[in-house]
Amino acid sequence: MSTPATTLYGIPNCDTVKRARAWLVGHEQHTTFHDFKKQGVPEARLDHWLTKLGWEALLNRKGSTWRKLDAAAQAGVTDRASARALMLKHASVIKRPVVEWADAQVTVGFAPQDWETRLG
């Protein structure tokens, strides 16, 4: 029986995703990469992340995609439903990386110290 794999979701040219992927390889962690640009945002997984983490944790208000949105689009994100719709339309507004760990936990962002602890 095989161990469930860790899945890292993101965009390959994102510097944070690059660092996270390199860190995982350096720590010999088997990881599947899901490319938002090529494969899209899986709606069922997004719903799961929203439940686990909350929309505020997933929404990247510091990135260039958010800054390029007009003020009305930004102001329209006020709850889970509006954030979800925006994330499905513009995958780049999802904070990266989103990681579904083999133990079924979900994290967002790259936190090497936390990841070290997670791996024991």
PDB file of N, CA and C in Angstrom:
ATOM      1  N   MET A   1       0.843  -1.175   0.000  1.00  0.00           N
ATOM      2  CA  MET A   1       0.000   0.000   0.000  1.00  0.00           C
ATOM      3  C   MET A   1       0.889   1.239   0.000  1.00  0.00           C
ATOM      4  N   SER A   2       0.615   2.202  -0.858  1.00  0.00           N
ATOM      5  CA  SER A   2       1.476   3.367  -0.980  1.00  0.00           C
ATOM      6  C   SER A   2       1.011   4.486  -0.056  1.00  0.00           C
ATOM      7  N   THR A   3       1.968   5.299   0.342  1.00  0.00           N
ATOM      8  CA  THR A   3       1.684   6.455   1.184  1.00  0.00           C
ATOM      9  C   THR A   3       1.078   7.544   0.319  1.00  0.00           C
ATOM     10  N   PRO A   4       0.027   8.219   0.801  1.00  0.00           N
ATOM     11  CA  PRO A   4      -0.547   9.295   0.008  1.00  0.00           C
ATOM     12  C   PRO A   4       0.491  10.385  -0.235  1.00  0.00           C
ATOM     13  N   ALA A   5       0.480  10.917  -1.412  1.00  0.00           N
ATOM     14  CA  ALA A   5       1.455  11.939  -1.786  1.00  0.00           C
ATOM     15  C   ALA A   5       1.015  13.308  -1.300  1.00  0.00           C
ATOM     16  N   THR A   6       1.989  14.152  -1.116  1.00  0.00           N
ATOM     17  CA  THR A   6       1.746  15.561  -0.852  1.00  0.00           C
ATOM     18  C   THR A   6       1.539  16.229  -2.200  1.00  0.00           C
ATOM     19  N   THR A   7       0.557  17.120  -2.282  1.00  0.00           N
ATOM     20  CA  THR A   7       0.308  17.861  -3.517  1.00  0.00           C
ATOM     21  C   THR A   7       0.533  19.338  -3.266  1.00  0.00           C
ATOM     22  N   LEU A   8       1.335  19.935  -4.119  1.00  0.00           N
ATOM     23  CA  LEU A   8       1.610  21.366  -4.049  1.00  0.00           C
ATOM     24  C   LEU A   8       0.909  22.018  -5.230  1.00  0.00           C
ATOM     25  N   TYR A   9       0.078  23.009  -4.940  1.00  0.00           N
ATOM     26  CA  TYR A   9      -0.687  23.730  -5.951  1.00  0.00           C
ATOM     27  C   TYR A   9      -0.091  25.120  -6.117  1.00  0.00           C
ATOM     28  N   GLY A  10       0.051  25.540  -7.363  1.00  0.00           N
ATOM     29  CA  GLY A  10       0.565  26.883  -7.586  1.00  0.00           C
ATOM     30  C   GLY A  10       0.843  27.155  -9.046  1.00  0.00           C
ATOM     31  N   ILE A  11       1.699  28.118  -9.249  1.00  0.00           N
ATOM     32  CA  ILE A  11       2.091  28.573 -10.580  1.00  0.00           C
ATOM     33  C   ILE A  11       3.602  28.395 -10.686  1.00  0.00           C
ATOM     34  N   PRO A  12       4.078  27.704 -11.717  1.00  0.00           N
ATOM     35  CA  PRO A  12       5.494  27.335 -11.763  1.00  0.00           C
ATOM     36  C   PRO A  12       6.472  28.501 -11.781  1.00  0.00           C
ATOM     37  N   ASN A  13       6.085  29.654 -12.308  1.00  0.00           N
ATOM     38  CA  ASN A  13       7.036  30.768 -12.363  1.00  0.00           C
ATOM     39  C   ASN A  13       6.978  31.668 -11.130  1.00  0.00           C
ATOM     40  N   CYS A  14       6.147  31.317 -10.154  1.00  0.00           N
ATOM     41  CA  CYS A  14       6.059  32.054  -8.889  1.00  0.00           C
ATOM     42  C   CYS A  14       7.311  31.755  -8.057  1.00  0.00           C
ATOM     43  N   ASP A  15       8.014  32.787  -7.620  1.00  0.00           N
ATOM     44  CA  ASP A  15       9.245  32.588  -6.858  1.00  0.00           C
ATOM     45  C   ASP A  15       9.021  31.788  -5.576  1.00  0.00           C
ATOM     46  N   THR A  16       7.925  32.037  -4.891  1.00  0.00           N
ATOM     47  CA  THR A  16       7.640  31.309  -3.655  1.00  0.00           C
ATOM     48  C   THR A  16       7.387  29.842  -3.948  1.00  0.00           C
ATOM     49  N   VAL A  17       6.681  29.557  -5.016  1.00  0.00           N
ATOM     50  CA  VAL A  17       6.429  28.165  -5.406  1.00  0.00           C
ATOM     51  C   VAL A  17       7.756  27.494  -5.778  1.00  0.00           C
ATOM     52  N   LYS A  18       8.612  28.193  -6.489  1.00  0.00           N
ATOM     53  CA  LYS A  18       9.921  27.632  -6.848  1.00  0.00           C
ATOM     54  C   LYS A  18      10.716  27.270  -5.599  1.00  0.00           C
ATOM     55  N   ARG A  19      10.743  28.180  -4.622  1.00  0.00           N
ATOM     56  CA  ARG A  19      11.474  27.916  -3.374  1.00  0.00           C
ATOM     57  C   ARG A  19      10.865  26.729  -2.625  1.00  0.00           C
ATOM     58  N   ALA A  20       9.539  26.683  -2.582  1.00  0.00           N
ATOM     59  CA  ALA A  20       8.859  25.598  -1.876  1.00  0.00           C
ATOM     60  C   ALA A  20       9.143  24.249  -2.535  1.00  0.00           C
ATOM     61  N   ARG A  21       9.077  24.219  -3.848  1.00  0.00           N
ATOM     62  CA  ARG A  21       9.340  22.963  -4.559  1.00  0.00           C
ATOM     63  C   ARG A  21      10.782  22.511  -4.342  1.00  0.00           C
ATOM     64  N   ALA A  22      11.713  23.445  -4.406  1.00  0.00           N
ATOM     65  CA  ALA A  22      13.125  23.106  -4.186  1.00  0.00           C
ATOM     66  C   ALA A  22      13.338  22.598  -2.757  1.00  0.00           C
ATOM     67  N   TRP A  23      12.689  23.232  -1.812  1.00  0.00           N
ATOM     68  CA  TRP A  23      12.799  22.802  -0.416  1.00  0.00           C
ATOM     69  C   TRP A  23      12.297  21.373  -0.258  1.00  0.00           C
ATOM     70  N   LEU A  24      11.151  21.067  -0.842  1.00  0.00           N
ATOM     71  CA  LEU A  24      10.583  19.723  -0.741  1.00  0.00           C
ATOM     72  C   LEU A  24      11.503  18.684  -1.380  1.00  0.00           C
ATOM     73  N   VAL A  25      12.062  19.002  -2.534  1.00  0.00           N
ATOM     74  CA  VAL A  25      13.003  18.083  -3.190  1.00  0.00           C
ATOM     75  C   VAL A  25      14.229  17.892  -2.297  1.00  0.00           C
ATOM     76  N   GLY A  26      14.739  18.984  -1.737  1.00  0.00           N
ATOM     77  CA  GLY A  26      15.900  18.922  -0.857  1.00  0.00           C
ATOM     78  C   GLY A  26      15.660  18.107   0.401  1.00  0.00           C
ATOM     79  N   HIS A  27      14.408  18.010   0.803  1.00  0.00           N
ATOM     80  CA  HIS A  27      14.050  17.223   1.981  1.00  0.00           C
ATOM     81  C   HIS A  27      13.452  15.860   1.586  1.00  0.00           C
ATOM     82  N   GLU A  28      13.685  15.488   0.337  1.00  0.00           N
ATOM     83  CA  GLU A  28      13.301  14.174  -0.191  1.00  0.00           C
ATOM     84  C   GLU A  28      11.824  13.853   0.034  1.00  0.00           C
ATOM     85  N   GLN A  29      10.980  14.845  -0.210  1.00  0.00           N
ATOM     86  CA  GLN A  29       9.538  14.669  -0.065  1.00  0.00           C
ATOM     87  C   GLN A  29       8.918  14.436  -1.436  1.00  0.00           C
ATOM     88  N   HIS A  30       8.249  13.305  -1.573  1.00  0.00           N
ATOM     89  CA  HIS A  30       7.551  13.012  -2.825  1.00  0.00           C
ATOM     90  C   HIS A  30       6.360  13.965  -2.926  1.00  0.00           C
ATOM     91  N   THR A  31       6.333  14.738  -3.988  1.00  0.00           N
ATOM     92  CA  THR A  31       5.301  15.756  -4.146  1.00  0.00           C
ATOM     93  C   THR A  31       4.775  15.758  -5.567  1.00  0.00           C
ATOM     94  N   THR A  32       3.461  15.881  -5.684  1.00  0.00           N
ATOM     95  CA  THR A  32       2.829  16.072  -6.976  1.00  0.00           C
ATOM     96  C   THR A  32       2.596  17.575  -7.124  1.00  0.00           C
ATOM     97  N   PHE A  33       2.883  18.113  -8.298  1.00  0.00           N
ATOM     98  CA  PHE A  33       2.668  19.534  -8.538  1.00  0.00           C
ATOM     99  C   PHE A  33       1.441  19.720  -9.418  1.00  0.00           C
ATOM    100  N   HIS A  34       0.545  20.598  -8.980  1.00  0.00           N
ATOM    101  CA  HIS A  34      -0.645  20.945  -9.760  1.00  0.00           C
ATOM    102  C   HIS A  34      -0.481  22.390 -10.210  1.00  0.00           C
ATOM    103  N   ASP A  35      -0.374  22.573 -11.507  1.00  0.00           N
ATOM    104  CA  ASP A  35      -0.140  23.879 -12.121  1.00  0.00           C
ATOM    105  C   ASP A  35      -1.473  24.571 -12.403  1.00  0.00           C
ATOM    106  N   PHE A  36      -1.750  25.643 -11.661  1.00  0.00           N
ATOM    107  CA  PHE A  36      -2.990  26.389 -11.864  1.00  0.00           C
ATOM    108  C   PHE A  36      -3.126  26.903 -13.298  1.00  0.00           C
ATOM    109  N   LYS A  37      -2.025  27.295 -13.912  1.00  0.00           N
ATOM    110  CA  LYS A  37      -2.088  27.863 -15.263  1.00  0.00           C
ATOM    111  C   LYS A  37      -2.476  26.813 -16.301  1.00  0.00           C
ATOM    112  N   LYS A  38      -1.938  25.611 -16.167  1.00  0.00           N
ATOM    113  CA  LYS A  38      -2.213  24.559 -17.147  1.00  0.00           C
ATOM    114  C   LYS A  38      -3.420  23.708 -16.791  1.00  0.00           C
ATOM    115  N   GLN A  39      -3.615  23.474 -15.492  1.00  0.00           N
ATOM    116  CA  GLN A  39      -4.648  22.541 -15.070  1.00  0.00           C
ATOM    117  C   GLN A  39      -5.865  23.218 -14.443  1.00  0.00           C
ATOM    118  N   GLY A  40      -5.763  24.513 -14.224  1.00  0.00           N
ATOM    119  CA  GLY A  40      -6.869  25.247 -13.617  1.00  0.00           C
ATOM    120  C   GLY A  40      -6.950  25.024 -12.114  1.00  0.00           C
ATOM    121  N   VAL A  41      -7.902  25.695 -11.513  1.00  0.00           N
ATOM    122  CA  VAL A  41      -8.145  25.552 -10.084  1.00  0.00           C
ATOM    123  C   VAL A  41      -9.237  24.493  -9.913  1.00  0.00           C
ATOM    124  N   PRO A  42      -8.921  23.395  -9.246  1.00  0.00           N
ATOM    125  CA  PRO A  42      -9.943  22.364  -9.056  1.00  0.00           C
ATOM    126  C   PRO A  42     -10.993  22.850  -8.045  1.00  0.00           C
ATOM    127  N   GLU A  43     -12.222  22.991  -8.518  1.00  0.00           N
ATOM    128  CA  GLU A  43     -13.274  23.584  -7.683  1.00  0.00           C
ATOM    129  C   GLU A  43     -13.481  22.839  -6.375  1.00  0.00           C
ATOM    130  N   ALA A  44     -13.488  21.532  -6.418  1.00  0.00           N
ATOM    131  CA  ALA A  44     -13.709  20.759  -5.186  1.00  0.00           C
ATOM    132  C   ALA A  44     -12.582  20.987  -4.189  1.00  0.00           C
ATOM    133  N   ARG A  45     -11.346  21.091  -4.688  1.00  0.00           N
ATOM    134  CA  ARG A  45     -10.208  21.340  -3.801  1.00  0.00           C
ATOM    135  C   ARG A  45     -10.296  22.752  -3.240  1.00  0.00           C
ATOM    136  N   LEU A  46     -10.671  23.728  -4.082  1.00  0.00           N
ATOM    137  CA  LEU A  46     -10.815  25.105  -3.611  1.00  0.00           C
ATOM    138  C   LEU A  46     -11.847  25.159  -2.489  1.00  0.00           C
ATOM    139  N   ASP A  47     -12.962  24.485  -2.650  1.00  0.00           N
ATOM    140  CA  ASP A  47     -13.980  24.464  -1.602  1.00  0.00           C
ATOM    141  C   ASP A  47     -13.420  23.867  -0.312  1.00  0.00           C
ATOM    142  N   HIS A  48     -12.629  22.828  -0.451  1.00  0.00           N
ATOM    143  CA  HIS A  48     -11.996  22.199   0.716  1.00  0.00           C
ATOM    144  C   HIS A  48     -11.054  23.190   1.416  1.00  0.00           C
ATOM    145  N   TRP A  49     -10.226  23.892   0.628  1.00  0.00           N
ATOM    146  CA  TRP A  49      -9.296  24.867   1.214  1.00  0.00           C
ATOM    147  C   TRP A  49     -10.046  25.996   1.902  1.00  0.00           C
ATOM    148  N   LEU A  50     -11.112  26.442   1.266  1.00  0.00           N
ATOM    149  CA  LEU A  50     -11.903  27.522   1.862  1.00  0.00           C
ATOM    150  C   LEU A  50     -12.483  27.086   3.204  1.00  0.00           C
ATOM    151  N   THR A  51     -12.901  25.838   3.290  1.00  0.00           N
ATOM    152  CA  THR A  51     -13.432  25.312   4.546  1.00  0.00           C
ATOM    153  C   THR A  51     -12.330  25.200   5.590  1.00  0.00           C
ATOM    154  N   LYS A  52     -11.183  24.672   5.190  1.00  0.00           N
ATOM    155  CA  LYS A  52     -10.077  24.443   6.128  1.00  0.00           C
ATOM    156  C   LYS A  52      -9.384  25.736   6.564  1.00  0.00           C
ATOM    157  N   LEU A  53      -9.164  26.655   5.606  1.00  0.00           N
ATOM    158  CA  LEU A  53      -8.327  27.818   5.866  1.00  0.00           C
ATOM    159  C   LEU A  53      -9.071  29.147   5.941  1.00  0.00           C
ATOM    160  N   GLY A  54     -10.214  29.212   5.284  1.00  0.00           N
ATOM    161  CA  GLY A  54     -10.941  30.474   5.207  1.00  0.00           C
ATOM    162  C   GLY A  54     -10.510  31.283   3.993  1.00  0.00           C
ATOM    163  N   TRP A  55     -11.425  32.069   3.466  1.00  0.00           N
ATOM    164  CA  TRP A  55     -11.135  32.815   2.237  1.00  0.00           C
ATOM    165  C   TRP A  55     -10.084  33.893   2.453  1.00  0.00           C
ATOM    166  N   GLU A  56     -10.043  34.487   3.641  1.00  0.00           N
ATOM    167  CA  GLU A  56      -9.083  35.554   3.901  1.00  0.00           C
ATOM    168  C   GLU A  56      -7.647  35.042   3.830  1.00  0.00           C
ATOM    169  N   ALA A  57      -7.424  33.811   4.281  1.00  0.00           N
ATOM    170  CA  ALA A  57      -6.079  33.233   4.250  1.00  0.00           C
ATOM    171  C   ALA A  57      -5.645  32.884   2.830  1.00  0.00           C
ATOM    172  N   LEU A  58      -6.598  32.561   1.978  1.00  0.00           N
ATOM    173  CA  LEU A  58      -6.279  32.149   0.608  1.00  0.00           C
ATOM    174  C   LEU A  58      -6.148  33.314  -0.367  1.00  0.00           C
ATOM    175  N   LEU A  59      -6.777  34.421  -0.068  1.00  0.00           N
ATOM    176  CA  LEU A  59      -6.794  35.551  -0.996  1.00  0.00           C
ATOM    177  C   LEU A  59      -5.512  36.360  -0.882  1.00  0.00           C
ATOM    178  N   ASN A  60      -4.790  36.466  -1.982  1.00  0.00           N
ATOM    179  CA  ASN A  60      -3.526  37.204  -2.012  1.00  0.00           C
ATOM    180  C   ASN A  60      -3.791  38.647  -2.442  1.00  0.00           C
ATOM    181  N   ARG A  61      -3.889  39.521  -1.467  1.00  0.00           N
ATOM    182  CA  ARG A  61      -4.136  40.935  -1.742  1.00  0.00           C
ATOM    183  C   ARG A  61      -2.852  41.723  -1.987  1.00  0.00           C
ATOM    184  N   LYS A  62      -1.706  41.052  -1.929  1.00  0.00           N
ATOM    185  CA  LYS A  62      -0.426  41.735  -2.130  1.00  0.00           C
ATOM    186  C   LYS A  62       0.150  41.510  -3.522  1.00  0.00           C
ATOM    187  N   GLY A  63      -0.419  40.578  -4.258  1.00  0.00           N
ATOM    188  CA  GLY A  63       0.139  40.220  -5.558  1.00  0.00           C
ATOM    189  C   GLY A  63      -0.260  41.149  -6.682  1.00  0.00           C
ATOM    190  N   SER A  64       0.429  41.009  -7.796  1.00  0.00           N
ATOM    191  CA  SER A  64       0.180  41.885  -8.951  1.00  0.00           C
ATOM    192  C   SER A  64      -1.205  41.665  -9.554  1.00  0.00           C
ATOM    193  N   THR A  65      -1.723  40.452  -9.504  1.00  0.00           N
ATOM    194  CA  THR A  65      -3.058  40.205 -10.068  1.00  0.00           C
ATOM    195  C   THR A  65      -4.108  41.001  -9.305  1.00  0.00           C
ATOM    196  N   TRP A  66      -4.015  40.994  -7.988  1.00  0.00           N
ATOM    197  CA  TRP A  66      -4.959  41.768  -7.170  1.00  0.00           C
ATOM    198  C   TRP A  66      -4.824  43.259  -7.479  1.00  0.00           C
ATOM    199  N   ARG A  67      -3.596  43.744  -7.551  1.00  0.00           N
ATOM    200  CA  ARG A  67      -3.370  45.177  -7.797  1.00  0.00           C
ATOM    201  C   ARG A  67      -3.871  45.608  -9.173  1.00  0.00           C
ATOM    202  N   LYS A  68      -3.888  44.687 -10.122  1.00  0.00           N
ATOM    203  CA  LYS A  68      -4.358  45.017 -11.470  1.00  0.00           C
ATOM    204  C   LYS A  68      -5.883  45.039 -11.567  1.00  0.00           C
ATOM    205  N   LEU A  69      -6.567  44.449 -10.600  1.00  0.00           N
ATOM    206  CA  LEU A  69      -8.032  44.473 -10.624  1.00  0.00           C
ATOM    207  C   LEU A  69      -8.523  45.899 -10.388  1.00  0.00           C
ATOM    208  N   ASP A  70      -9.639  46.240 -11.012  1.00  0.00           N
ATOM    209  CA  ASP A  70     -10.176  47.573 -10.758  1.00  0.00           C
ATOM    210  C   ASP A  70     -10.745  47.632  -9.336  1.00  0.00           C
ATOM    211  N   ALA A  71     -10.937  48.841  -8.859  1.00  0.00           N
ATOM    212  CA  ALA A  71     -11.389  49.051  -7.482  1.00  0.00           C
ATOM    213  C   ALA A  71     -12.724  48.367  -7.205  1.00  0.00           C
ATOM    214  N   ALA A  72     -13.609  48.351  -8.173  1.00  0.00           N
ATOM    215  CA  ALA A  72     -14.920  47.719  -7.987  1.00  0.00           C
ATOM    216  C   ALA A  72     -14.773  46.212  -7.791  1.00  0.00           C
ATOM    217  N   ALA A  73     -13.894  45.585  -8.563  1.00  0.00           N
ATOM    218  CA  ALA A  73     -13.668  44.147  -8.421  1.00  0.00           C
ATOM    219  C   ALA A  73     -13.067  43.838  -7.052  1.00  0.00           C
ATOM    220  N   GLN A  74     -12.123  44.652  -6.622  1.00  0.00           N
ATOM    221  CA  GLN A  74     -11.529  44.453  -5.302  1.00  0.00           C
ATOM    222  C   GLN A  74     -12.568  44.640  -4.198  1.00  0.00           C
ATOM    223  N   ALA A  75     -13.350  45.689  -4.307  1.00  0.00           N
ATOM    224  CA  ALA A  75     -14.368  45.980  -3.293  1.00  0.00           C
ATOM    225  C   ALA A  75     -15.468  44.919  -3.271  1.00  0.00           C
ATOM    226  N   GLY A  76     -15.645  44.228  -4.374  1.00  0.00           N
ATOM    227  CA  GLY A  76     -16.679  43.204  -4.465  1.00  0.00           C
ATOM    228  C   GLY A  76     -16.354  41.916  -3.740  1.00  0.00           C
ATOM    229  N   VAL A  77     -15.117  41.776  -3.279  1.00  0.00           N
ATOM    230  CA  VAL A  77     -14.724  40.572  -2.550  1.00  0.00           C
ATOM    231  C   VAL A  77     -14.965  40.819  -1.068  1.00  0.00           C
ATOM    232  N   THR A  78     -16.090  40.330  -0.600  1.00  0.00           N
ATOM    233  CA  THR A  78     -16.503  40.612   0.775  1.00  0.00           C
ATOM    234  C   THR A  78     -16.813  39.366   1.592  1.00  0.00           C
ATOM    235  N   ASP A  79     -16.853  38.210   0.943  1.00  0.00           N
ATOM    236  CA  ASP A  79     -17.203  36.989   1.651  1.00  0.00           C
ATOM    237  C   ASP A  79     -16.667  35.778   0.889  1.00  0.00           C
ATOM    238  N   ARG A  80     -16.949  34.608   1.424  1.00  0.00           N
ATOM    239  CA  ARG A  80     -16.456  33.362   0.822  1.00  0.00           C
ATOM    240  C   ARG A  80     -16.905  33.216  -0.632  1.00  0.00           C
ATOM    241  N   ALA A  81     -18.173  33.464  -0.902  1.00  0.00           N
ATOM    242  CA  ALA A  81     -18.708  33.255  -2.253  1.00  0.00           C
ATOM    243  C   ALA A  81     -18.042  34.185  -3.261  1.00  0.00           C
ATOM    244  N   SER A  82     -17.883  35.449  -2.909  1.00  0.00           N
ATOM    245  CA  SER A  82     -17.274  36.399  -3.848  1.00  0.00           C
ATOM    246  C   SER A  82     -15.779  36.112  -4.019  1.00  0.00           C
ATOM    247  N   ALA A  83     -15.112  35.707  -2.953  1.00  0.00           N
ATOM    248  CA  ALA A  83     -13.697  35.353  -3.052  1.00  0.00           C
ATOM    249  C   ALA A  83     -13.523  34.102  -3.905  1.00  0.00           C
ATOM    250  N   ARG A  84     -14.392  33.115  -3.714  1.00  0.00           N
ATOM    251  CA  ARG A  84     -14.334  31.880  -4.492  1.00  0.00           C
ATOM    252  C   ARG A  84     -14.492  32.170  -5.977  1.00  0.00           C
ATOM    253  N   ALA A  85     -15.467  32.994  -6.317  1.00  0.00           N
ATOM    254  CA  ALA A  85     -15.701  33.333  -7.725  1.00  0.00           C
ATOM    255  C   ALA A  85     -14.468  34.000  -8.331  1.00  0.00           C
ATOM    256  N   LEU A  86     -13.857  34.910  -7.597  1.00  0.00           N
ATOM    257  CA  LEU A  86     -12.662  35.594  -8.093  1.00  0.00           C
ATOM    258  C   LEU A  86     -11.505  34.613  -8.251  1.00  0.00           C
ATOM    259  N   MET A  87     -11.338  33.718  -7.288  1.00  0.00           N
ATOM    260  CA  MET A  87     -10.242  32.745  -7.354  1.00  0.00           C
ATOM    261  C   MET A  87     -10.401  31.793  -8.535  1.00  0.00           C
ATOM    262  N   LEU A  88     -11.627  31.441  -8.850  1.00  0.00           N
ATOM    263  CA  LEU A  88     -11.853  30.576 -10.012  1.00  0.00           C
ATOM    264  C   LEU A  88     -11.584  31.321 -11.318  1.00  0.00           C
ATOM    265  N   LYS A  89     -11.878  32.592 -11.319  1.00  0.00           N
ATOM    266  CA  LYS A  89     -11.665  33.399 -12.524  1.00  0.00           C
ATOM    267  C   LYS A  89     -10.197  33.794 -12.700  1.00  0.00           C
ATOM    268  N   HIS A  90      -9.533  34.099 -11.595  1.00  0.00           N
ATOM    269  CA  HIS A  90      -8.135  34.548 -11.604  1.00  0.00           C
ATOM    270  C   HIS A  90      -7.338  33.710 -10.598  1.00  0.00           C
ATOM    271  N   ALA A  91      -6.825  32.591 -11.038  1.00  0.00           N
ATOM    272  CA  ALA A  91      -6.095  31.681 -10.147  1.00  0.00           C
ATOM    273  C   ALA A  91      -4.937  32.374  -9.441  1.00  0.00           C
ATOM    274  N   SER A  92      -4.383  33.400 -10.057  1.00  0.00           N
ATOM    275  CA  SER A  92      -3.222  34.079  -9.478  1.00  0.00           C
ATOM    276  C   SER A  92      -3.546  34.872  -8.218  1.00  0.00           C
ATOM    277  N   VAL A  93      -4.825  35.034  -7.878  1.00  0.00           N
ATOM    278  CA  VAL A  93      -5.146  35.714  -6.621  1.00  0.00           C
ATOM    279  C   VAL A  93      -5.164  34.744  -5.444  1.00  0.00           C
ATOM    280  N   ILE A  94      -4.902  33.472  -5.705  1.00  0.00           N
ATOM    281  CA  ILE A  94      -4.784  32.507  -4.616  1.00  0.00           C
ATOM    282  C   ILE A  94      -3.356  32.578  -4.091  1.00  0.00           C
ATOM    283  N   LYS A  95      -3.241  32.763  -2.785  1.00  0.00           N
ATOM    284  CA  LYS A  95      -1.927  32.800  -2.154  1.00  0.00           C
ATOM    285  C   LYS A  95      -1.252  31.456  -2.390  1.00  0.00           C
ATOM    286  N   ARG A  96       0.051  31.485  -2.645  1.00  0.00           N
ATOM    287  CA  ARG A  96       0.759  30.273  -3.021  1.00  0.00           C
ATOM    288  C   ARG A  96       1.985  30.039  -2.141  1.00  0.00           C
ATOM    289  N   PRO A  97       2.349  28.766  -2.118  1.00  0.00           N
ATOM    290  CA  PRO A  97       1.639  27.591  -2.603  1.00  0.00           C
ATOM    291  C   PRO A  97       0.580  27.130  -1.607  1.00  0.00           C
ATOM    292  N   VAL A  98      -0.392  26.426  -2.142  1.00  0.00           N
ATOM    293  CA  VAL A  98      -1.323  25.684  -1.297  1.00  0.00           C
ATOM    294  C   VAL A  98      -0.782  24.259  -1.283  1.00  0.00           C
ATOM    295  N   VAL A  99      -0.647  23.696  -0.098  1.00  0.00           N
ATOM    296  CA  VAL A  99      -0.094  22.342   0.016  1.00  0.00           C
ATOM    297  C   VAL A  99      -1.096  21.459   0.747  1.00  0.00           C
ATOM    298  N   GLU A 100      -1.426  20.359   0.103  1.00  0.00           N
ATOM    299  CA  GLU A 100      -2.206  19.307   0.749  1.00  0.00           C
ATOM    300  C   GLU A 100      -1.202  18.229   1.122  1.00  0.00           C
ATOM    301  N   TRP A 101      -0.951  18.135   2.413  1.00  0.00           N
ATOM    302  CA  TRP A 101       0.050  17.211   2.925  1.00  0.00           C
ATOM    303  C   TRP A 101      -0.489  15.779   2.956  1.00  0.00           C
ATOM    304  N   ALA A 102       0.405  14.839   3.019  1.00  0.00           N
ATOM    305  CA  ALA A 102       0.035  13.432   3.033  1.00  0.00           C
ATOM    306  C   ALA A 102      -0.865  13.088   4.224  1.00  0.00           C
ATOM    307  N   ASP A 103      -0.785  13.874   5.304  1.00  0.00           N
ATOM    308  CA  ASP A 103      -1.617  13.619   6.490  1.00  0.00           C
ATOM    309  C   ASP A 103      -2.974  14.326   6.413  1.00  0.00           C
ATOM    310  N   ALA A 104      -3.319  14.853   5.235  1.00  0.00           N
ATOM    311  CA  ALA A 104      -4.601  15.515   4.952  1.00  0.00           C
ATOM    312  C   ALA A 104      -4.689  16.949   5.474  1.00  0.00           C
ATOM    313  N   GLN A 105      -3.625  17.469   6.058  1.00  0.00           N
ATOM    314  CA  GLN A 105      -3.625  18.863   6.479  1.00  0.00           C
ATOM    315  C   GLN A 105      -3.388  19.752   5.257  1.00  0.00           C
ATOM    316  N   VAL A 106      -3.836  20.986   5.350  1.00  0.00           N
ATOM    317  CA  VAL A 106      -3.679  21.950   4.259  1.00  0.00           C
ATOM    318  C   VAL A 106      -2.992  23.195   4.811  1.00  0.00           C
ATOM    319  N   THR A 107      -1.984  23.667   4.081  1.00  0.00           N
ATOM    320  CA  THR A 107      -1.318  24.913   4.443  1.00  0.00           C
ATOM    321  C   THR A 107      -1.246  25.816   3.225  1.00  0.00           C
ATOM    322  N   VAL A 108      -1.048  27.086   3.481  1.00  0.00           N
ATOM    323  CA  VAL A 108      -0.873  28.044   2.388  1.00  0.00           C
ATOM    324  C   VAL A 108       0.360  28.885   2.702  1.00  0.00           C
ATOM    325  N   GLY A 109       1.156  29.119   1.665  1.00  0.00           N
ATOM    326  CA  GLY A 109       2.401  29.866   1.828  1.00  0.00           C
ATOM    327  C   GLY A 109       3.562  28.921   2.094  1.00  0.00           C
ATOM    328  N   PHE A 110       4.754  29.468   2.011  1.00  0.00           N
ATOM    329  CA  PHE A 110       5.964  28.683   2.234  1.00  0.00           C
ATOM    330  C   PHE A 110       6.563  29.102   3.571  1.00  0.00           C
ATOM    331  N   ALA A 111       6.580  28.161   4.511  1.00  0.00           N
ATOM    332  CA  ALA A 111       7.096  28.416   5.860  1.00  0.00           C
ATOM    333  C   ALA A 111       8.073  27.297   6.228  1.00  0.00           C
ATOM    334  N   PRO A 112       9.349  27.450   5.868  1.00  0.00           N
ATOM    335  CA  PRO A 112      10.319  26.372   6.079  1.00  0.00           C
ATOM    336  C   PRO A 112      10.371  25.844   7.513  1.00  0.00           C
ATOM    337  N   GLN A 113      10.312  26.731   8.511  1.00  0.00           N
ATOM    338  CA  GLN A 113      10.381  26.265   9.899  1.00  0.00           C
ATOM    339  C   GLN A 113       9.174  25.393  10.235  1.00  0.00           C
ATOM    340  N   ASP A 114       7.992  25.826   9.808  1.00  0.00           N
ATOM    341  CA  ASP A 114       6.783  25.028  10.043  1.00  0.00           C
ATOM    342  C   ASP A 114       6.861  23.698   9.302  1.00  0.00           C
ATOM    343  N   TRP A 115       7.390  23.741   8.103  1.00  0.00           N
ATOM    344  CA  TRP A 115       7.489  22.514   7.314  1.00  0.00           C
ATOM    345  C   TRP A 115       8.490  21.540   7.968  1.00  0.00           C
ATOM    346  N   GLU A 116       9.590  22.069   8.510  1.00  0.00           N
ATOM    347  CA  GLU A 116      10.563  21.226   9.215  1.00  0.00           C
ATOM    348  C   GLU A 116       9.872  20.500  10.365  1.00  0.00           C
ATOM    349  N   THR A 117       9.088  21.240  11.144  1.00  0.00           N
ATOM    350  CA  THR A 117       8.359  20.662  12.264  1.00  0.00           C
ATOM    351  C   THR A 117       7.381  19.601  11.793  1.00  0.00           C
ATOM    352  N   ARG A 118       6.702  19.885  10.697  1.00  0.00           N
ATOM    353  CA  ARG A 118       5.722  18.945  10.148  1.00  0.00           C
ATOM    354  C   ARG A 118       6.383  17.615   9.782  1.00  0.00           C
ATOM    355  N   LEU A 119       7.582  17.688   9.262  1.00  0.00           N
ATOM    356  CA  LEU A 119       8.272  16.470   8.831  1.00  0.00           C
ATOM    357  C   LEU A 119       8.914  15.723   9.982  1.00  0.00           C
ATOM    358  N   GLY A 120       8.963  16.378  11.143  1.00  0.00           N
ATOM    359  CA  GLY A 120       9.505  15.715  12.336  1.00  0.00           C
ATOM    360  C   GLY A 120      10.965  15.745  12.336  1.00  0.00           C
TER     361      GLY A 120
END
